[in-house]
Amino acid sequence: MIIQHHNKVRDWIKKGEGDQLEFKVMISEPYKVAKAICAFANTRGGYLLSGISDDGEIVGVVEPEMEIKKLNDAATLYCVPPVSISIRQHLEDFLVVVAVYIEESSFKPHKALTKNGSEQAYIRVGNKTMPAGKLVVKVIKNEYKNHEEDESHLASLKLDSKESGLLDYLKKREKITLKQFARLVNISERRARRILVKLTLAGYIRLHTQNKDEFYTLS
């Protein structure tokens, strides 16, 4: 179904790509887009828009039905376990944009099948889809937070200025290392690590390991 005279697409473009929004010119292969679908499902959910370039230009989808089939195949055949998605078509300037909504899943972690049949979990960090390391997979396993419980939990845990400053930093810069955090707030690495562990255990931030390097992002 095509929704006409709708400003939603332009609102998305104005917002730009981020942790809950990704643009694609087209869907090439189901196994490739399965990575993004799993990443959204494993993190906070989000929208994937096909028919929009990386710089926000509406280019449109030539064959919407074929695009939708690839997306459904990606979600059901290339995501383990399958991910539930909702698809709508939007008409903007006589061009069709396919919008896919992926809800944060209660069956984490989801893994995407690669071309050779192996499985890899992904998460969303800022505007990027990134592989999830073993430690991250353990953290997100069976993870699903009720928003009301989240708000109650966050309100009950008192944060000092350094901890609040870290969360504000991550909202803008996406990730931080132990050394960067220690320099940022001018404390020892030992004290910085204690703060990072505290916020990780409380669910505020998440530890990642990539090429033997460790860094933290918002959960």
N, C-alpha and C. Protein backbone atom coordinates (compact mmCIF):
# COMPACT_ATOMS: atom_id res chain seq x y z
N MET A 1 0.83 -1.18 0.00
CA MET A 1 0.00 0.00 0.00
C MET A 1 0.88 1.25 0.00
N ILE A 2 0.57 2.20 -0.87
CA ILE A 2 1.33 3.45 -0.97
C ILE A 2 0.58 4.56 -0.26
N ILE A 3 1.27 5.24 0.64
CA ILE A 3 0.67 6.37 1.35
C ILE A 3 1.06 7.64 0.62
N GLN A 4 0.12 8.36 0.10
CA GLN A 4 0.41 9.56 -0.68
C GLN A 4 0.30 10.81 0.18
N HIS A 5 0.93 11.88 -0.30
CA HIS A 5 0.88 13.18 0.37
C HIS A 5 1.27 13.05 1.84
N HIS A 6 2.40 12.42 2.05
CA HIS A 6 2.86 12.13 3.41
C HIS A 6 4.22 12.78 3.61
N ASN A 7 4.43 13.48 4.70
CA ASN A 7 5.70 14.18 4.96
C ASN A 7 6.68 13.36 5.78
N LYS A 8 6.33 12.14 6.11
CA LYS A 8 7.17 11.33 6.98
C LYS A 8 8.56 11.12 6.40
N VAL A 9 8.66 10.85 5.11
CA VAL A 9 9.95 10.59 4.49
C VAL A 9 10.86 11.81 4.62
N ARG A 10 10.31 12.99 4.37
CA ARG A 10 11.11 14.22 4.47
C ARG A 10 11.51 14.48 5.92
N ASP A 11 10.67 14.10 6.85
CA ASP A 11 11.02 14.23 8.27
C ASP A 11 12.21 13.33 8.59
N TRP A 12 12.20 12.11 8.05
CA TRP A 12 13.32 11.18 8.27
C TRP A 12 14.61 11.74 7.67
N ILE A 13 14.51 12.26 6.45
CA ILE A 13 15.68 12.80 5.77
C ILE A 13 16.26 13.97 6.56
N LYS A 14 15.39 14.82 7.05
CA LYS A 14 15.84 15.97 7.85
C LYS A 14 16.57 15.50 9.11
N LYS A 15 16.08 14.41 9.70
CA LYS A 15 16.70 13.87 10.91
C LYS A 15 18.07 13.28 10.61
N GLY A 16 18.22 12.61 9.46
CA GLY A 16 19.50 12.01 9.07
C GLY A 16 19.73 10.65 9.68
N GLU A 17 20.68 9.92 9.10
CA GLU A 17 20.98 8.57 9.58
C GLU A 17 21.50 8.61 11.03
N GLY A 18 21.14 7.58 11.78
CA GLY A 18 21.57 7.51 13.18
C GLY A 18 21.38 6.12 13.71
N ASP A 19 21.31 6.00 15.05
CA ASP A 19 21.22 4.66 15.64
C ASP A 19 19.88 3.98 15.38
N GLN A 20 18.86 4.75 14.94
CA GLN A 20 17.56 4.16 14.65
C GLN A 20 17.07 4.47 13.24
N LEU A 21 17.99 4.84 12.36
CA LEU A 21 17.59 5.20 11.00
C LEU A 21 18.74 4.97 10.03
N GLU A 22 18.44 4.26 8.94
CA GLU A 22 19.45 4.01 7.91
C GLU A 22 18.83 4.18 6.52
N PHE A 23 19.59 4.79 5.61
CA PHE A 23 19.15 4.98 4.23
C PHE A 23 19.87 3.99 3.32
N LYS A 24 19.15 3.49 2.33
CA LYS A 24 19.75 2.65 1.30
C LYS A 24 19.19 3.06 -0.06
N VAL A 25 20.05 3.10 -1.05
CA VAL A 25 19.59 3.41 -2.41
C VAL A 25 18.70 2.28 -2.91
N MET A 26 19.13 1.05 -2.63
CA MET A 26 18.36 -0.13 -3.04
C MET A 26 18.82 -1.33 -2.21
N ILE A 27 18.04 -2.38 -2.24
CA ILE A 27 18.41 -3.62 -1.58
C ILE A 27 19.02 -4.53 -2.63
N SER A 28 20.32 -4.82 -2.48
CA SER A 28 20.99 -5.64 -3.49
C SER A 28 20.76 -7.13 -3.23
N GLU A 29 21.23 -7.59 -2.07
CA GLU A 29 21.09 -9.00 -1.72
C GLU A 29 20.49 -9.11 -0.32
N PRO A 30 19.57 -10.07 -0.12
CA PRO A 30 18.94 -10.22 1.21
C PRO A 30 19.93 -10.41 2.34
N TYR A 31 21.00 -11.19 2.11
CA TYR A 31 21.95 -11.47 3.20
C TYR A 31 22.68 -10.20 3.64
N LYS A 32 22.81 -9.21 2.74
CA LYS A 32 23.49 -7.97 3.10
C LYS A 32 22.62 -7.10 3.99
N VAL A 33 21.35 -6.95 3.64
CA VAL A 33 20.46 -6.11 4.45
C VAL A 33 20.07 -6.79 5.75
N ALA A 34 20.23 -8.12 5.81
CA ALA A 34 19.93 -8.85 7.05
C ALA A 34 20.80 -8.35 8.20
N LYS A 35 22.00 -7.89 7.90
CA LYS A 35 22.89 -7.36 8.94
C LYS A 35 22.25 -6.16 9.64
N ALA A 36 21.71 -5.22 8.84
CA ALA A 36 21.10 -4.03 9.42
C ALA A 36 19.83 -4.39 10.18
N ILE A 37 19.04 -5.31 9.65
CA ILE A 37 17.80 -5.73 10.31
C ILE A 37 18.12 -6.34 11.68
N CYS A 38 19.12 -7.22 11.73
CA CYS A 38 19.51 -7.82 13.00
C CYS A 38 20.06 -6.77 13.96
N ALA A 39 20.82 -5.82 13.43
CA ALA A 39 21.40 -4.78 14.28
C ALA A 39 20.32 -3.95 14.96
N PHE A 40 19.30 -3.54 14.22
CA PHE A 40 18.20 -2.77 14.79
C PHE A 40 17.46 -3.62 15.83
N ALA A 41 17.20 -4.87 15.50
CA ALA A 41 16.47 -5.76 16.42
C ALA A 41 17.25 -5.99 17.70
N ASN A 42 18.58 -6.03 17.61
CA ASN A 42 19.42 -6.29 18.77
C ASN A 42 19.67 -5.04 19.61
N THR A 43 19.34 -3.87 19.07
CA THR A 43 19.63 -2.64 19.78
C THR A 43 18.33 -1.97 20.20
N ARG A 44 17.99 -0.82 19.60
CA ARG A 44 16.78 -0.11 20.03
C ARG A 44 15.68 -0.12 18.97
N GLY A 45 15.85 -0.93 17.93
CA GLY A 45 14.89 -0.89 16.85
C GLY A 45 15.16 0.30 15.95
N GLY A 46 14.37 0.44 14.89
CA GLY A 46 14.56 1.58 14.01
C GLY A 46 13.95 1.38 12.64
N TYR A 47 14.24 2.33 11.75
CA TYR A 47 13.71 2.31 10.39
C TYR A 47 14.83 2.19 9.37
N LEU A 48 14.59 1.37 8.36
CA LEU A 48 15.47 1.25 7.22
C LEU A 48 14.69 1.72 6.01
N LEU A 49 15.21 2.72 5.31
CA LEU A 49 14.51 3.29 4.15
C LEU A 49 15.25 2.96 2.87
N SER A 50 14.57 2.33 1.94
CA SER A 50 15.14 2.01 0.64
C SER A 50 14.60 2.98 -0.40
N GLY A 51 15.52 3.54 -1.20
CA GLY A 51 15.13 4.54 -2.18
C GLY A 51 15.65 5.91 -1.84
N ILE A 52 16.60 5.95 -0.87
CA ILE A 52 17.20 7.22 -0.45
C ILE A 52 18.72 7.04 -0.40
N SER A 53 19.45 7.99 -0.96
CA SER A 53 20.91 7.92 -0.96
C SER A 53 21.46 8.28 0.41
N ASP A 54 22.75 8.03 0.63
CA ASP A 54 23.38 8.31 1.92
C ASP A 54 23.30 9.79 2.29
N ASP A 55 23.30 10.66 1.29
CA ASP A 55 23.25 12.09 1.57
C ASP A 55 21.82 12.63 1.64
N GLY A 56 20.83 11.73 1.65
CA GLY A 56 19.44 12.14 1.85
C GLY A 56 18.67 12.50 0.61
N GLU A 57 19.16 12.14 -0.55
CA GLU A 57 18.42 12.42 -1.79
C GLU A 57 17.42 11.29 -2.07
N ILE A 58 16.19 11.66 -2.39
CA ILE A 58 15.17 10.66 -2.73
C ILE A 58 15.40 10.20 -4.17
N VAL A 59 15.80 8.96 -4.35
CA VAL A 59 16.05 8.42 -5.68
C VAL A 59 14.95 7.44 -6.10
N GLY A 60 14.20 6.93 -5.12
CA GLY A 60 13.09 6.04 -5.42
C GLY A 60 13.50 4.61 -5.70
N VAL A 61 12.53 3.72 -5.54
CA VAL A 61 12.72 2.30 -5.80
C VAL A 61 12.06 1.95 -7.13
N VAL A 62 12.80 1.30 -8.01
CA VAL A 62 12.29 0.99 -9.35
C VAL A 62 11.23 -0.10 -9.30
N GLU A 63 11.52 -1.17 -8.55
CA GLU A 63 10.59 -2.30 -8.45
C GLU A 63 10.24 -2.55 -6.98
N PRO A 64 9.27 -1.84 -6.45
CA PRO A 64 8.92 -1.96 -5.04
C PRO A 64 8.60 -3.39 -4.59
N GLU A 65 7.86 -4.14 -5.41
CA GLU A 65 7.48 -5.49 -5.01
C GLU A 65 8.70 -6.40 -4.88
N MET A 66 9.66 -6.23 -5.76
CA MET A 66 10.89 -7.02 -5.68
C MET A 66 11.69 -6.61 -4.45
N GLU A 67 11.68 -5.30 -4.16
CA GLU A 67 12.39 -4.78 -2.99
C GLU A 67 11.79 -5.37 -1.71
N ILE A 68 10.48 -5.40 -1.65
CA ILE A 68 9.77 -5.91 -0.48
C ILE A 68 10.04 -7.41 -0.29
N LYS A 69 10.09 -8.14 -1.39
CA LYS A 69 10.39 -9.58 -1.32
C LYS A 69 11.79 -9.80 -0.73
N LYS A 70 12.77 -9.02 -1.17
CA LYS A 70 14.13 -9.16 -0.66
C LYS A 70 14.19 -8.85 0.83
N LEU A 71 13.44 -7.83 1.24
CA LEU A 71 13.42 -7.45 2.65
C LEU A 71 12.77 -8.55 3.51
N ASN A 72 11.67 -9.09 3.03
CA ASN A 72 11.02 -10.19 3.76
C ASN A 72 11.92 -11.42 3.82
N ASP A 73 12.60 -11.70 2.71
CA ASP A 73 13.54 -12.84 2.70
C ASP A 73 14.68 -12.61 3.69
N ALA A 74 15.17 -11.37 3.73
CA ALA A 74 16.26 -11.04 4.64
C ALA A 74 15.85 -11.27 6.09
N ALA A 75 14.65 -10.83 6.43
CA ALA A 75 14.17 -10.91 7.81
C ALA A 75 13.81 -12.33 8.23
N THR A 76 13.30 -13.13 7.29
CA THR A 76 12.81 -14.46 7.65
C THR A 76 13.80 -15.58 7.34
N LEU A 77 14.59 -15.42 6.27
CA LEU A 77 15.49 -16.48 5.84
C LEU A 77 16.94 -16.26 6.21
N TYR A 78 17.33 -15.00 6.41
CA TYR A 78 18.73 -14.68 6.67
C TYR A 78 18.97 -14.12 8.07
N CYS A 79 17.95 -14.05 8.89
CA CYS A 79 18.10 -13.65 10.29
C CYS A 79 17.75 -14.84 11.17
N VAL A 80 18.59 -15.12 12.14
CA VAL A 80 18.41 -16.27 13.04
C VAL A 80 18.40 -15.79 14.49
N PRO A 81 17.28 -15.92 15.23
CA PRO A 81 15.96 -16.30 14.72
C PRO A 81 15.38 -15.21 13.82
N PRO A 82 14.32 -15.52 13.06
CA PRO A 82 13.72 -14.53 12.15
C PRO A 82 13.30 -13.27 12.90
N VAL A 83 13.34 -12.15 12.20
CA VAL A 83 12.97 -10.86 12.78
C VAL A 83 11.64 -10.40 12.19
N SER A 84 10.74 -9.95 13.04
CA SER A 84 9.46 -9.42 12.58
C SER A 84 9.64 -7.99 12.09
N ILE A 85 9.19 -7.70 10.88
CA ILE A 85 9.32 -6.35 10.32
C ILE A 85 7.97 -5.87 9.79
N SER A 86 7.84 -4.57 9.69
CA SER A 86 6.65 -3.95 9.14
C SER A 86 7.07 -3.07 7.97
N ILE A 87 6.43 -3.25 6.80
CA ILE A 87 6.85 -2.54 5.59
C ILE A 87 5.72 -1.66 5.06
N ARG A 88 6.08 -0.43 4.71
CA ARG A 88 5.15 0.48 4.06
C ARG A 88 5.83 1.18 2.89
N GLN A 89 5.01 1.59 1.93
CA GLN A 89 5.53 2.34 0.80
C GLN A 89 5.04 3.78 0.88
N HIS A 90 5.96 4.72 0.61
CA HIS A 90 5.63 6.14 0.64
C HIS A 90 5.91 6.73 -0.74
N LEU A 91 5.04 7.60 -1.20
CA LEU A 91 5.21 8.27 -2.49
C LEU A 91 5.65 9.70 -2.26
N GLU A 92 6.85 10.03 -2.72
CA GLU A 92 7.39 11.37 -2.58
C GLU A 92 7.89 11.85 -3.95
N ASP A 93 7.33 12.94 -4.43
CA ASP A 93 7.73 13.48 -5.74
C ASP A 93 7.65 12.42 -6.83
N PHE A 94 6.58 11.62 -6.78
CA PHE A 94 6.33 10.55 -7.75
C PHE A 94 7.35 9.41 -7.67
N LEU A 95 8.11 9.37 -6.60
CA LEU A 95 9.08 8.31 -6.39
C LEU A 95 8.67 7.49 -5.17
N VAL A 96 8.81 6.17 -5.26
CA VAL A 96 8.41 5.28 -4.17
C VAL A 96 9.60 5.03 -3.23
N VAL A 97 9.36 5.23 -1.96
CA VAL A 97 10.34 4.91 -0.91
C VAL A 97 9.75 3.79 -0.05
N VAL A 98 10.51 2.71 0.12
CA VAL A 98 10.06 1.59 0.94
C VAL A 98 10.63 1.77 2.35
N ALA A 99 9.74 1.83 3.33
CA ALA A 99 10.15 2.03 4.72
C ALA A 99 9.92 0.75 5.51
N VAL A 100 10.96 0.28 6.18
CA VAL A 100 10.89 -0.95 6.98
C VAL A 100 11.06 -0.58 8.45
N TYR A 101 10.11 -0.96 9.28
CA TYR A 101 10.24 -0.73 10.72
C TYR A 101 10.64 -2.03 11.40
N ILE A 102 11.72 -1.96 12.17
CA ILE A 102 12.20 -3.13 12.92
C ILE A 102 12.10 -2.78 14.41
N GLU A 103 11.31 -3.52 15.13
CA GLU A 103 11.14 -3.26 16.55
C GLU A 103 12.27 -3.90 17.35
N GLU A 104 12.65 -3.28 18.47
CA GLU A 104 13.62 -3.91 19.35
C GLU A 104 13.06 -5.28 19.76
N SER A 105 13.86 -6.29 19.63
CA SER A 105 13.38 -7.66 19.79
C SER A 105 13.43 -8.14 21.24
N SER A 106 12.52 -9.03 21.57
CA SER A 106 12.55 -9.71 22.87
C SER A 106 13.20 -11.09 22.74
N PHE A 107 13.78 -11.37 21.58
CA PHE A 107 14.43 -12.66 21.35
C PHE A 107 15.89 -12.47 20.94
N LYS A 108 16.56 -11.53 21.58
CA LYS A 108 17.97 -11.28 21.28
C LYS A 108 18.85 -12.43 21.78
N PRO A 109 20.00 -12.66 21.14
CA PRO A 109 20.52 -11.91 19.99
C PRO A 109 20.08 -12.53 18.66
N HIS A 110 19.87 -11.69 17.67
CA HIS A 110 19.61 -12.16 16.31
C HIS A 110 20.93 -12.15 15.55
N LYS A 111 21.14 -13.17 14.75
CA LYS A 111 22.36 -13.26 13.95
C LYS A 111 22.00 -13.30 12.47
N ALA A 112 22.84 -12.69 11.67
CA ALA A 112 22.63 -12.67 10.22
C ALA A 112 23.46 -13.76 9.57
N LEU A 113 22.86 -14.45 8.62
CA LEU A 113 23.59 -15.46 7.86
C LEU A 113 24.43 -14.77 6.79
N THR A 114 25.70 -15.13 6.73
CA THR A 114 26.57 -14.57 5.71
C THR A 114 26.41 -15.36 4.41
N LYS A 115 27.10 -14.92 3.38
CA LYS A 115 26.98 -15.57 2.08
C LYS A 115 27.45 -17.02 2.15
N ASN A 116 28.44 -17.29 3.01
CA ASN A 116 28.96 -18.67 3.11
C ASN A 116 28.24 -19.51 4.15
N GLY A 117 27.17 -18.94 4.77
CA GLY A 117 26.35 -19.72 5.69
C GLY A 117 26.71 -19.60 7.15
N SER A 118 27.75 -18.85 7.48
CA SER A 118 28.09 -18.65 8.89
C SER A 118 27.15 -17.60 9.50
N GLU A 119 27.16 -17.49 10.84
CA GLU A 119 26.26 -16.57 11.53
C GLU A 119 27.06 -15.51 12.28
N GLN A 120 26.56 -14.28 12.28
CA GLN A 120 27.21 -13.19 13.00
C GLN A 120 26.15 -12.25 13.55
N ALA A 121 26.29 -11.91 14.84
CA ALA A 121 25.37 -10.94 15.46
C ALA A 121 25.87 -9.54 15.17
N TYR A 122 24.93 -8.60 15.03
CA TYR A 122 25.26 -7.21 14.77
C TYR A 122 24.47 -6.30 15.70
N ILE A 123 25.03 -5.13 15.95
CA ILE A 123 24.34 -4.10 16.72
C ILE A 123 24.46 -2.77 16.00
N ARG A 124 23.66 -1.82 16.43
CA ARG A 124 23.68 -0.48 15.85
C ARG A 124 24.45 0.45 16.78
N VAL A 125 25.49 1.08 16.26
CA VAL A 125 26.28 2.07 17.01
C VAL A 125 26.29 3.35 16.19
N GLY A 126 25.56 4.36 16.65
CA GLY A 126 25.43 5.59 15.86
C GLY A 126 24.77 5.27 14.53
N ASN A 127 25.38 5.70 13.43
CA ASN A 127 24.80 5.43 12.12
C ASN A 127 25.47 4.23 11.44
N LYS A 128 26.10 3.38 12.24
CA LYS A 128 26.81 2.23 11.67
C LYS A 128 26.25 0.90 12.20
N THR A 129 26.30 -0.10 11.34
CA THR A 129 25.97 -1.47 11.73
C THR A 129 27.29 -2.18 11.98
N MET A 130 27.48 -2.67 13.22
CA MET A 130 28.76 -3.24 13.60
C MET A 130 28.62 -4.67 14.11
N PRO A 131 29.61 -5.53 13.85
CA PRO A 131 29.59 -6.89 14.41
C PRO A 131 29.63 -6.82 15.93
N ALA A 132 28.91 -7.71 16.58
CA ALA A 132 28.90 -7.77 18.04
C ALA A 132 29.86 -8.86 18.49
N GLY A 133 30.79 -8.51 19.36
CA GLY A 133 31.73 -9.48 19.90
C GLY A 133 31.06 -10.42 20.89
N LYS A 134 31.81 -11.40 21.36
CA LYS A 134 31.25 -12.40 22.26
C LYS A 134 30.71 -11.79 23.55
N LEU A 135 31.44 -10.82 24.10
CA LEU A 135 31.00 -10.20 25.34
C LEU A 135 29.69 -9.44 25.13
N VAL A 136 29.59 -8.76 23.99
CA VAL A 136 28.38 -7.99 23.71
C VAL A 136 27.20 -8.93 23.51
N VAL A 137 27.42 -10.05 22.83
CA VAL A 137 26.36 -11.03 22.62
C VAL A 137 25.83 -11.54 23.96
N LYS A 138 26.74 -11.77 24.92
CA LYS A 138 26.32 -12.22 26.24
C LYS A 138 25.44 -11.18 26.93
N VAL A 139 25.81 -9.91 26.76
CA VAL A 139 25.07 -8.83 27.41
C VAL A 139 23.66 -8.70 26.84
N ILE A 140 23.55 -8.79 25.51
CA ILE A 140 22.24 -8.55 24.89
C ILE A 140 21.36 -9.81 24.85
N LYS A 141 21.92 -10.95 25.22
CA LYS A 141 21.12 -12.18 25.20
C LYS A 141 19.91 -12.04 26.12
N ASN A 142 18.76 -12.30 25.54
CA ASN A 142 17.49 -12.20 26.27
C ASN A 142 17.23 -10.81 26.85
N GLU A 143 17.93 -9.83 26.33
CA GLU A 143 17.77 -8.47 26.85
C GLU A 143 16.55 -7.81 26.20
N TYR A 144 15.65 -7.33 27.02
CA TYR A 144 14.50 -6.58 26.51
C TYR A 144 13.96 -5.74 27.64
N LYS A 145 14.04 -4.44 27.52
CA LYS A 145 13.69 -3.54 28.62
C LYS A 145 12.34 -2.89 28.39
N ASN A 146 11.49 -3.00 29.37
CA ASN A 146 10.24 -2.27 29.35
C ASN A 146 10.54 -0.80 29.62
N HIS A 147 9.96 0.10 28.82
CA HIS A 147 10.30 1.51 28.93
C HIS A 147 9.97 2.09 30.30
N GLU A 148 8.85 1.69 30.88
CA GLU A 148 8.48 2.22 32.19
C GLU A 148 9.46 1.73 33.25
N GLU A 149 9.87 0.46 33.15
CA GLU A 149 10.84 -0.07 34.10
C GLU A 149 12.18 0.63 33.92
N ASP A 150 12.52 0.92 32.67
CA ASP A 150 13.76 1.64 32.38
C ASP A 150 13.79 2.99 33.08
N GLU A 151 12.68 3.75 32.91
CA GLU A 151 12.63 5.09 33.47
C GLU A 151 12.73 5.03 34.99
N SER A 152 12.07 4.04 35.61
CA SER A 152 12.11 3.89 37.04
C SER A 152 13.53 3.54 37.50
N HIS A 153 14.18 2.66 36.74
CA HIS A 153 15.53 2.24 37.10
C HIS A 153 16.51 3.40 36.97
N LEU A 154 16.40 4.14 35.88
CA LEU A 154 17.31 5.25 35.65
C LEU A 154 17.14 6.32 36.70
N ALA A 155 15.89 6.53 37.11
CA ALA A 155 15.62 7.56 38.11
C ALA A 155 16.16 7.17 39.48
N SER A 156 16.21 5.85 39.76
CA SER A 156 16.62 5.38 41.08
C SER A 156 18.13 5.37 41.25
N LEU A 157 18.88 5.33 40.15
CA LEU A 157 20.33 5.29 40.23
C LEU A 157 20.89 6.70 40.10
N LYS A 158 21.54 7.17 41.15
CA LYS A 158 22.07 8.53 41.15
C LYS A 158 23.41 8.57 40.44
N LEU A 159 23.55 9.50 39.52
CA LEU A 159 24.79 9.65 38.77
C LEU A 159 25.49 10.94 39.19
N ASP A 160 26.82 10.87 39.31
CA ASP A 160 27.55 12.10 39.61
C ASP A 160 27.85 12.83 38.31
N SER A 161 28.53 13.96 38.41
CA SER A 161 28.77 14.80 37.24
C SER A 161 29.63 14.10 36.19
N LYS A 162 30.59 13.28 36.63
CA LYS A 162 31.45 12.57 35.69
C LYS A 162 30.66 11.51 34.92
N GLU A 163 29.79 10.82 35.62
CA GLU A 163 28.98 9.78 34.98
C GLU A 163 27.97 10.39 34.02
N SER A 164 27.32 11.45 34.44
CA SER A 164 26.36 12.14 33.57
C SER A 164 27.08 12.73 32.36
N GLY A 165 28.29 13.26 32.60
CA GLY A 165 29.07 13.83 31.50
C GLY A 165 29.44 12.78 30.47
N LEU A 166 29.75 11.57 30.94
CA LEU A 166 30.08 10.48 30.01
C LEU A 166 28.89 10.15 29.12
N LEU A 167 27.69 10.06 29.71
CA LEU A 167 26.50 9.73 28.93
C LEU A 167 26.20 10.83 27.92
N ASP A 168 26.39 12.08 28.31
CA ASP A 168 26.18 13.20 27.38
C ASP A 168 27.19 13.13 26.23
N TYR A 169 28.43 12.78 26.56
CA TYR A 169 29.48 12.65 25.55
C TYR A 169 29.12 11.58 24.53
N LEU A 170 28.63 10.42 25.02
CA LEU A 170 28.31 9.31 24.13
C LEU A 170 27.11 9.59 23.24
N LYS A 171 26.24 10.48 23.67
CA LYS A 171 25.10 10.86 22.83
C LYS A 171 25.57 11.62 21.60
N LYS A 172 26.72 12.28 21.71
CA LYS A 172 27.24 13.10 20.61
C LYS A 172 28.34 12.41 19.84
N ARG A 173 29.19 11.62 20.54
CA ARG A 173 30.40 11.06 19.91
C ARG A 173 30.31 9.57 19.63
N GLU A 174 29.27 8.92 20.08
CA GLU A 174 28.99 7.51 19.80
C GLU A 174 29.81 6.51 20.62
N LYS A 175 31.13 6.72 20.78
CA LYS A 175 31.91 5.73 21.51
C LYS A 175 33.08 6.39 22.22
N ILE A 176 33.64 5.67 23.21
CA ILE A 176 34.76 6.19 23.98
C ILE A 176 35.57 5.03 24.52
N THR A 177 36.89 5.20 24.64
CA THR A 177 37.75 4.19 25.24
C THR A 177 38.02 4.55 26.69
N LEU A 178 38.62 3.62 27.42
CA LEU A 178 38.98 3.88 28.82
C LEU A 178 39.93 5.07 28.91
N LYS A 179 40.96 5.09 28.10
CA LYS A 179 41.94 6.18 28.13
C LYS A 179 41.28 7.52 27.81
N GLN A 180 40.41 7.54 26.81
CA GLN A 180 39.74 8.78 26.44
C GLN A 180 38.86 9.30 27.57
N PHE A 181 38.15 8.39 28.24
CA PHE A 181 37.28 8.80 29.34
C PHE A 181 38.11 9.35 30.51
N ALA A 182 39.22 8.68 30.83
CA ALA A 182 40.08 9.14 31.92
C ALA A 182 40.60 10.55 31.64
N ARG A 183 41.01 10.80 30.39
CA ARG A 183 41.49 12.14 30.03
C ARG A 183 40.37 13.15 30.03
N LEU A 184 39.19 12.71 29.57
CA LEU A 184 38.04 13.62 29.46
C LEU A 184 37.67 14.23 30.81
N VAL A 185 37.66 13.40 31.86
CA VAL A 185 37.23 13.89 33.18
C VAL A 185 38.41 14.07 34.14
N ASN A 186 39.62 13.87 33.61
CA ASN A 186 40.85 14.12 34.38
C ASN A 186 40.93 13.29 35.66
N ILE A 187 40.80 11.96 35.49
CA ILE A 187 40.94 11.05 36.61
C ILE A 187 41.86 9.90 36.19
N SER A 188 42.26 9.08 37.16
CA SER A 188 43.12 7.94 36.84
C SER A 188 42.34 6.90 36.05
N GLU A 189 43.07 6.07 35.31
CA GLU A 189 42.41 5.02 34.53
C GLU A 189 41.75 4.00 35.45
N ARG A 190 42.34 3.79 36.62
CA ARG A 190 41.74 2.85 37.58
C ARG A 190 40.36 3.33 38.02
N ARG A 191 40.26 4.63 38.35
CA ARG A 191 38.97 5.18 38.76
C ARG A 191 38.00 5.22 37.58
N ALA A 192 38.53 5.54 36.41
CA ALA A 192 37.68 5.59 35.21
C ALA A 192 37.09 4.22 34.92
N ARG A 193 37.90 3.17 35.10
CA ARG A 193 37.41 1.82 34.84
C ARG A 193 36.27 1.45 35.80
N ARG A 194 36.40 1.85 37.08
CA ARG A 194 35.34 1.56 38.05
C ARG A 194 34.02 2.20 37.62
N ILE A 195 34.11 3.42 37.11
CA ILE A 195 32.90 4.12 36.66
C ILE A 195 32.30 3.40 35.45
N LEU A 196 33.16 2.99 34.53
CA LEU A 196 32.69 2.31 33.33
C LEU A 196 32.04 0.98 33.67
N VAL A 197 32.63 0.25 34.61
CA VAL A 197 32.05 -1.03 35.05
C VAL A 197 30.69 -0.79 35.70
N LYS A 198 30.61 0.22 36.55
CA LYS A 198 29.35 0.53 37.23
C LYS A 198 28.24 0.82 36.21
N LEU A 199 28.54 1.65 35.22
CA LEU A 199 27.52 2.03 34.23
C LEU A 199 27.19 0.88 33.29
N THR A 200 28.17 0.00 33.05
CA THR A 200 27.90 -1.18 32.22
C THR A 200 26.96 -2.14 32.93
N LEU A 201 27.23 -2.40 34.21
CA LEU A 201 26.38 -3.30 34.99
C LEU A 201 24.99 -2.72 35.18
N ALA A 202 24.88 -1.39 35.23
CA ALA A 202 23.58 -0.74 35.40
C ALA A 202 22.79 -0.67 34.09
N GLY A 203 23.45 -1.02 32.98
CA GLY A 203 22.75 -1.04 31.70
C GLY A 203 22.77 0.26 30.94
N TYR A 204 23.55 1.24 31.40
CA TYR A 204 23.62 2.52 30.70
C TYR A 204 24.49 2.44 29.45
N ILE A 205 25.61 1.73 29.57
CA ILE A 205 26.55 1.65 28.46
C ILE A 205 26.87 0.19 28.16
N ARG A 206 27.55 -0.02 27.05
CA ARG A 206 27.85 -1.39 26.61
C ARG A 206 29.31 -1.47 26.17
N LEU A 207 29.98 -2.53 26.57
CA LEU A 207 31.38 -2.75 26.22
C LEU A 207 31.47 -3.49 24.89
N HIS A 208 32.39 -3.05 24.03
CA HIS A 208 32.62 -3.68 22.74
C HIS A 208 34.10 -4.03 22.59
N THR A 209 34.37 -5.12 21.92
CA THR A 209 35.74 -5.50 21.59
C THR A 209 35.84 -5.67 20.09
N GLN A 210 36.76 -4.91 19.47
CA GLN A 210 36.93 -4.99 18.02
C GLN A 210 38.42 -4.93 17.71
N ASN A 211 38.92 -5.99 17.06
CA ASN A 211 40.35 -6.07 16.74
C ASN A 211 41.20 -5.87 18.00
N LYS A 212 40.78 -6.49 19.10
CA LYS A 212 41.46 -6.46 20.40
C LYS A 212 41.37 -5.10 21.09
N ASP A 213 40.69 -4.13 20.48
CA ASP A 213 40.50 -2.82 21.11
C ASP A 213 39.14 -2.79 21.81
N GLU A 214 39.09 -2.19 22.99
CA GLU A 214 37.84 -2.09 23.74
C GLU A 214 37.34 -0.66 23.71
N PHE A 215 36.01 -0.51 23.55
CA PHE A 215 35.41 0.80 23.64
C PHE A 215 33.98 0.65 24.15
N TYR A 216 33.39 1.76 24.53
CA TYR A 216 32.04 1.76 25.13
C TYR A 216 31.09 2.63 24.31
N THR A 217 29.83 2.19 24.26
CA THR A 217 28.77 2.98 23.63
C THR A 217 27.57 3.00 24.55
N LEU A 218 26.59 3.83 24.25
CA LEU A 218 25.33 3.79 24.98
C LEU A 218 24.64 2.46 24.73
N SER A 219 23.93 1.94 25.71
CA SER A 219 23.19 0.69 25.53
C SER A 219 21.96 0.92 24.67
